[in-house]
Amino acid sequence: MPSSAHSRAVAALRFRALGDETRLQLLELLADGERSVAQLMAAAGLGQSLVSHHLRTLRDADLVATRRDGRWMYYSISKGGLTNAKLVLYELG
């Protein structure tokens, strides 16, 4: 179980981020590898502002990582954040 108030707060932030179908869809798309916002928009059939909003939430929860290449931002799954969320669940079981 998370051992401190801070750890619990971080875990709660991650689980709130995971509790949205659109964000789960974006994570599923990123499971195949790094993608740009434009690629995520096309694959998910969503507009830029909505995709960016959900990616920001996932980034704030440390569930996705970013890489800038010129004017393009690329997203990938943050293995550390996802592993920590799994560990919390494992420790509860």
N, C-alpha and C. Protein backbone atom coordinates (compact mmCIF):
# COMPACT_ATOMS: atom_id res chain seq x y z
N MET A 1 0.84 -1.18 0.00
CA MET A 1 0.00 0.00 0.00
C MET A 1 0.89 1.24 0.00
N PRO A 2 0.44 2.36 -0.59
CA PRO A 2 1.25 3.57 -0.53
C PRO A 2 1.53 3.91 0.92
N SER A 3 2.77 4.26 1.19
CA SER A 3 3.19 4.43 2.58
C SER A 3 3.06 5.84 3.11
N SER A 4 2.74 6.79 2.30
CA SER A 4 2.64 8.17 2.79
C SER A 4 1.47 8.88 2.11
N ALA A 5 1.12 10.02 2.69
CA ALA A 5 0.04 10.81 2.10
C ALA A 5 0.39 11.22 0.66
N HIS A 6 1.65 11.55 0.44
CA HIS A 6 2.08 11.95 -0.91
C HIS A 6 1.93 10.78 -1.89
N SER A 7 2.35 9.59 -1.47
CA SER A 7 2.23 8.41 -2.33
C SER A 7 0.78 8.11 -2.66
N ARG A 8 -0.09 8.25 -1.67
CA ARG A 8 -1.52 8.02 -1.91
C ARG A 8 -2.08 9.05 -2.88
N ALA A 9 -1.65 10.31 -2.73
CA ALA A 9 -2.14 11.37 -3.62
C ALA A 9 -1.71 11.12 -5.06
N VAL A 10 -0.46 10.69 -5.24
CA VAL A 10 0.04 10.39 -6.59
C VAL A 10 -0.71 9.21 -7.18
N ALA A 11 -0.93 8.17 -6.38
CA ALA A 11 -1.67 7.00 -6.86
C ALA A 11 -3.09 7.39 -7.24
N ALA A 12 -3.74 8.22 -6.43
CA ALA A 12 -5.11 8.66 -6.74
C ALA A 12 -5.14 9.46 -8.04
N LEU A 13 -4.16 10.32 -8.26
CA LEU A 13 -4.07 11.10 -9.50
C LEU A 13 -3.95 10.16 -10.70
N ARG A 14 -3.12 9.15 -10.57
CA ARG A 14 -2.94 8.20 -11.69
C ARG A 14 -4.23 7.43 -11.96
N PHE A 15 -4.90 6.98 -10.91
CA PHE A 15 -6.12 6.19 -11.11
C PHE A 15 -7.25 7.05 -11.65
N ARG A 16 -7.31 8.32 -11.26
CA ARG A 16 -8.31 9.23 -11.87
C ARG A 16 -8.02 9.37 -13.36
N ALA A 17 -6.75 9.50 -13.72
CA ALA A 17 -6.38 9.63 -15.13
C ALA A 17 -6.74 8.36 -15.90
N LEU A 18 -6.60 7.21 -15.27
CA LEU A 18 -6.92 5.94 -15.93
C LEU A 18 -8.42 5.67 -15.98
N GLY A 19 -9.20 6.44 -15.24
CA GLY A 19 -10.64 6.20 -15.14
C GLY A 19 -11.47 6.82 -16.24
N ASP A 20 -10.85 7.14 -17.37
CA ASP A 20 -11.57 7.76 -18.48
C ASP A 20 -11.35 6.92 -19.73
N GLU A 21 -12.43 6.59 -20.43
CA GLU A 21 -12.34 5.72 -21.61
C GLU A 21 -11.45 6.31 -22.71
N THR A 22 -11.53 7.61 -22.92
CA THR A 22 -10.72 8.23 -23.97
C THR A 22 -9.25 8.14 -23.63
N ARG A 23 -8.90 8.38 -22.37
CA ARG A 23 -7.50 8.28 -21.97
C ARG A 23 -7.00 6.83 -22.07
N LEU A 24 -7.85 5.89 -21.74
CA LEU A 24 -7.47 4.48 -21.91
C LEU A 24 -7.25 4.16 -23.39
N GLN A 25 -8.10 4.70 -24.26
CA GLN A 25 -7.93 4.50 -25.69
C GLN A 25 -6.59 5.06 -26.16
N LEU A 26 -6.24 6.25 -25.69
CA LEU A 26 -4.96 6.85 -26.08
C LEU A 26 -3.79 6.00 -25.59
N LEU A 27 -3.89 5.47 -24.37
CA LEU A 27 -2.82 4.59 -23.87
C LEU A 27 -2.73 3.31 -24.70
N GLU A 28 -3.87 2.77 -25.11
CA GLU A 28 -3.86 1.58 -25.98
C GLU A 28 -3.13 1.88 -27.29
N LEU A 29 -3.39 3.05 -27.85
CA LEU A 29 -2.72 3.44 -29.09
C LEU A 29 -1.22 3.60 -28.88
N LEU A 30 -0.84 4.11 -27.72
CA LEU A 30 0.57 4.31 -27.42
C LEU A 30 1.29 3.01 -27.06
N ALA A 31 0.53 1.96 -26.77
CA ALA A 31 1.14 0.67 -26.46
C ALA A 31 1.93 0.13 -27.65
N ASP A 32 1.56 0.57 -28.85
CA ASP A 32 2.26 0.15 -30.07
C ASP A 32 3.52 0.97 -30.32
N GLY A 33 3.72 2.03 -29.54
CA GLY A 33 4.90 2.87 -29.70
C GLY A 33 4.56 4.34 -29.72
N GLU A 34 5.59 5.14 -29.80
CA GLU A 34 5.48 6.60 -29.78
C GLU A 34 4.64 7.10 -30.95
N ARG A 35 3.82 8.12 -30.66
CA ARG A 35 2.98 8.74 -31.70
C ARG A 35 2.90 10.25 -31.46
N SER A 36 2.67 10.97 -32.54
CA SER A 36 2.45 12.41 -32.45
C SER A 36 0.97 12.67 -32.13
N VAL A 37 0.68 13.89 -31.75
CA VAL A 37 -0.71 14.27 -31.50
C VAL A 37 -1.55 14.05 -32.75
N ALA A 38 -1.00 14.42 -33.92
CA ALA A 38 -1.74 14.24 -35.17
C ALA A 38 -2.05 12.77 -35.42
N GLN A 39 -1.09 11.90 -35.16
CA GLN A 39 -1.32 10.46 -35.34
C GLN A 39 -2.38 9.95 -34.37
N LEU A 40 -2.34 10.42 -33.13
CA LEU A 40 -3.34 10.02 -32.14
C LEU A 40 -4.72 10.52 -32.52
N MET A 41 -4.78 11.76 -33.03
CA MET A 41 -6.06 12.32 -33.48
C MET A 41 -6.68 11.45 -34.57
N ALA A 42 -5.87 11.10 -35.55
CA ALA A 42 -6.37 10.30 -36.68
C ALA A 42 -6.81 8.91 -36.22
N ALA A 43 -6.01 8.29 -35.38
CA ALA A 43 -6.31 6.92 -34.94
C ALA A 43 -7.53 6.87 -34.03
N ALA A 44 -7.70 7.91 -33.19
CA ALA A 44 -8.81 7.93 -32.24
C ALA A 44 -10.06 8.59 -32.82
N GLY A 45 -9.90 9.33 -33.91
CA GLY A 45 -11.03 10.04 -34.48
C GLY A 45 -11.51 11.19 -33.61
N LEU A 46 -10.56 11.85 -32.96
CA LEU A 46 -10.87 12.95 -32.05
C LEU A 46 -10.18 14.22 -32.49
N GLY A 47 -10.70 15.36 -32.04
CA GLY A 47 -10.11 16.65 -32.36
C GLY A 47 -8.86 16.94 -31.55
N GLN A 48 -8.09 17.92 -32.04
CA GLN A 48 -6.82 18.26 -31.43
C GLN A 48 -6.97 18.73 -29.99
N SER A 49 -7.93 19.58 -29.70
CA SER A 49 -8.04 20.11 -28.34
C SER A 49 -8.41 19.01 -27.35
N LEU A 50 -9.27 18.08 -27.76
CA LEU A 50 -9.66 16.99 -26.87
C LEU A 50 -8.49 16.03 -26.62
N VAL A 51 -7.76 15.69 -27.67
CA VAL A 51 -6.60 14.80 -27.52
C VAL A 51 -5.55 15.48 -26.63
N SER A 52 -5.30 16.74 -26.88
CA SER A 52 -4.31 17.46 -26.08
C SER A 52 -4.72 17.53 -24.61
N HIS A 53 -6.00 17.76 -24.35
CA HIS A 53 -6.50 17.81 -22.97
C HIS A 53 -6.24 16.48 -22.27
N HIS A 54 -6.58 15.38 -22.92
CA HIS A 54 -6.41 14.06 -22.30
C HIS A 54 -4.93 13.71 -22.14
N LEU A 55 -4.12 14.07 -23.11
CA LEU A 55 -2.68 13.82 -23.00
C LEU A 55 -2.07 14.62 -21.86
N ARG A 56 -2.54 15.83 -21.66
CA ARG A 56 -2.04 16.65 -20.54
C ARG A 56 -2.36 15.97 -19.21
N THR A 57 -3.58 15.43 -19.10
CA THR A 57 -3.97 14.73 -17.87
C THR A 57 -3.08 13.51 -17.66
N LEU A 58 -2.83 12.76 -18.72
CA LEU A 58 -1.97 11.58 -18.61
C LEU A 58 -0.53 11.98 -18.29
N ARG A 59 -0.07 13.08 -18.84
CA ARG A 59 1.29 13.55 -18.57
C ARG A 59 1.41 14.02 -17.12
N ASP A 60 0.40 14.74 -16.64
CA ASP A 60 0.41 15.20 -15.24
C ASP A 60 0.44 14.04 -14.26
N ALA A 61 -0.14 12.90 -14.67
CA ALA A 61 -0.16 11.70 -13.83
C ALA A 61 1.08 10.84 -14.07
N ASP A 62 2.01 11.30 -14.88
CA ASP A 62 3.24 10.58 -15.22
C ASP A 62 2.95 9.23 -15.87
N LEU A 63 1.89 9.19 -16.67
CA LEU A 63 1.55 7.96 -17.39
C LEU A 63 2.02 8.00 -18.84
N VAL A 64 2.33 9.20 -19.34
CA VAL A 64 2.93 9.34 -20.66
C VAL A 64 4.14 10.26 -20.57
N ALA A 65 5.08 10.02 -21.46
CA ALA A 65 6.27 10.86 -21.57
C ALA A 65 6.20 11.60 -22.90
N THR A 66 6.91 12.71 -22.99
CA THR A 66 6.90 13.52 -24.21
C THR A 66 8.31 13.68 -24.76
N ARG A 67 8.35 13.90 -26.07
CA ARG A 67 9.59 14.21 -26.76
C ARG A 67 9.26 15.20 -27.87
N ARG A 68 9.99 16.30 -27.90
CA ARG A 68 9.77 17.30 -28.94
C ARG A 68 10.77 17.09 -30.06
N ASP A 69 10.26 17.17 -31.29
CA ASP A 69 11.10 17.10 -32.47
C ASP A 69 10.66 18.23 -33.38
N GLY A 70 11.39 19.33 -33.33
CA GLY A 70 10.99 20.53 -34.08
C GLY A 70 9.69 21.07 -33.50
N ARG A 71 8.70 21.20 -34.34
CA ARG A 71 7.41 21.72 -33.85
C ARG A 71 6.45 20.62 -33.42
N TRP A 72 6.88 19.37 -33.57
CA TRP A 72 6.02 18.24 -33.24
C TRP A 72 6.33 17.70 -31.85
N MET A 73 5.27 17.33 -31.13
CA MET A 73 5.41 16.70 -29.83
C MET A 73 5.00 15.24 -29.98
N TYR A 74 5.84 14.36 -29.49
CA TYR A 74 5.57 12.93 -29.55
C TYR A 74 5.33 12.39 -28.15
N TYR A 75 4.41 11.45 -28.05
CA TYR A 75 4.03 10.86 -26.77
C TYR A 75 4.31 9.38 -26.76
N SER A 76 4.68 8.88 -25.59
CA SER A 76 4.89 7.45 -25.39
C SER A 76 4.47 7.12 -23.96
N ILE A 77 4.27 5.84 -23.71
CA ILE A 77 3.89 5.42 -22.36
C ILE A 77 5.09 5.59 -21.43
N SER A 78 4.83 6.14 -20.26
CA SER A 78 5.85 6.27 -19.23
C SER A 78 5.87 4.97 -18.43
N LYS A 79 6.87 4.16 -18.67
CA LYS A 79 6.94 2.86 -18.00
C LYS A 79 6.98 3.02 -16.48
N GLY A 80 7.68 4.02 -15.98
CA GLY A 80 7.77 4.21 -14.54
C GLY A 80 6.43 4.51 -13.89
N GLY A 81 5.67 5.42 -14.47
CA GLY A 81 4.36 5.77 -13.92
C GLY A 81 3.39 4.62 -13.97
N LEU A 82 3.40 3.90 -15.08
CA LEU A 82 2.50 2.76 -15.23
C LEU A 82 2.88 1.63 -14.28
N THR A 83 4.18 1.39 -14.13
CA THR A 83 4.65 0.37 -13.20
C THR A 83 4.26 0.71 -11.77
N ASN A 84 4.39 1.97 -11.39
CA ASN A 84 4.03 2.37 -10.04
C ASN A 84 2.54 2.18 -9.78
N ALA A 85 1.70 2.46 -10.78
CA ALA A 85 0.26 2.25 -10.62
C ALA A 85 -0.04 0.77 -10.43
N LYS A 86 0.64 -0.08 -11.20
CA LYS A 86 0.45 -1.53 -11.06
C LYS A 86 0.91 -2.01 -9.68
N LEU A 87 2.00 -1.45 -9.18
CA LEU A 87 2.51 -1.85 -7.86
C LEU A 87 1.51 -1.53 -6.75
N VAL A 88 0.86 -0.38 -6.87
CA VAL A 88 -0.14 -0.02 -5.86
C VAL A 88 -1.25 -1.08 -5.82
N LEU A 89 -1.72 -1.47 -7.01
CA LEU A 89 -2.76 -2.49 -7.07
C LEU A 89 -2.26 -3.83 -6.52
N TYR A 90 -1.04 -4.17 -6.87
CA TYR A 90 -0.45 -5.42 -6.41
C TYR A 90 -0.36 -5.44 -4.87
N GLU A 91 0.06 -4.35 -4.29
CA GLU A 91 0.21 -4.27 -2.84
C GLU A 91 -1.13 -4.31 -2.12
N LEU A 92 -2.19 -3.90 -2.79
CA LEU A 92 -3.52 -3.96 -2.19
C LEU A 92 -4.08 -5.38 -2.19
N GLY A 93 -3.61 -6.20 -3.13
CA GLY A 93 -4.12 -7.56 -3.29
C GLY A 93 -3.47 -8.47 -2.34
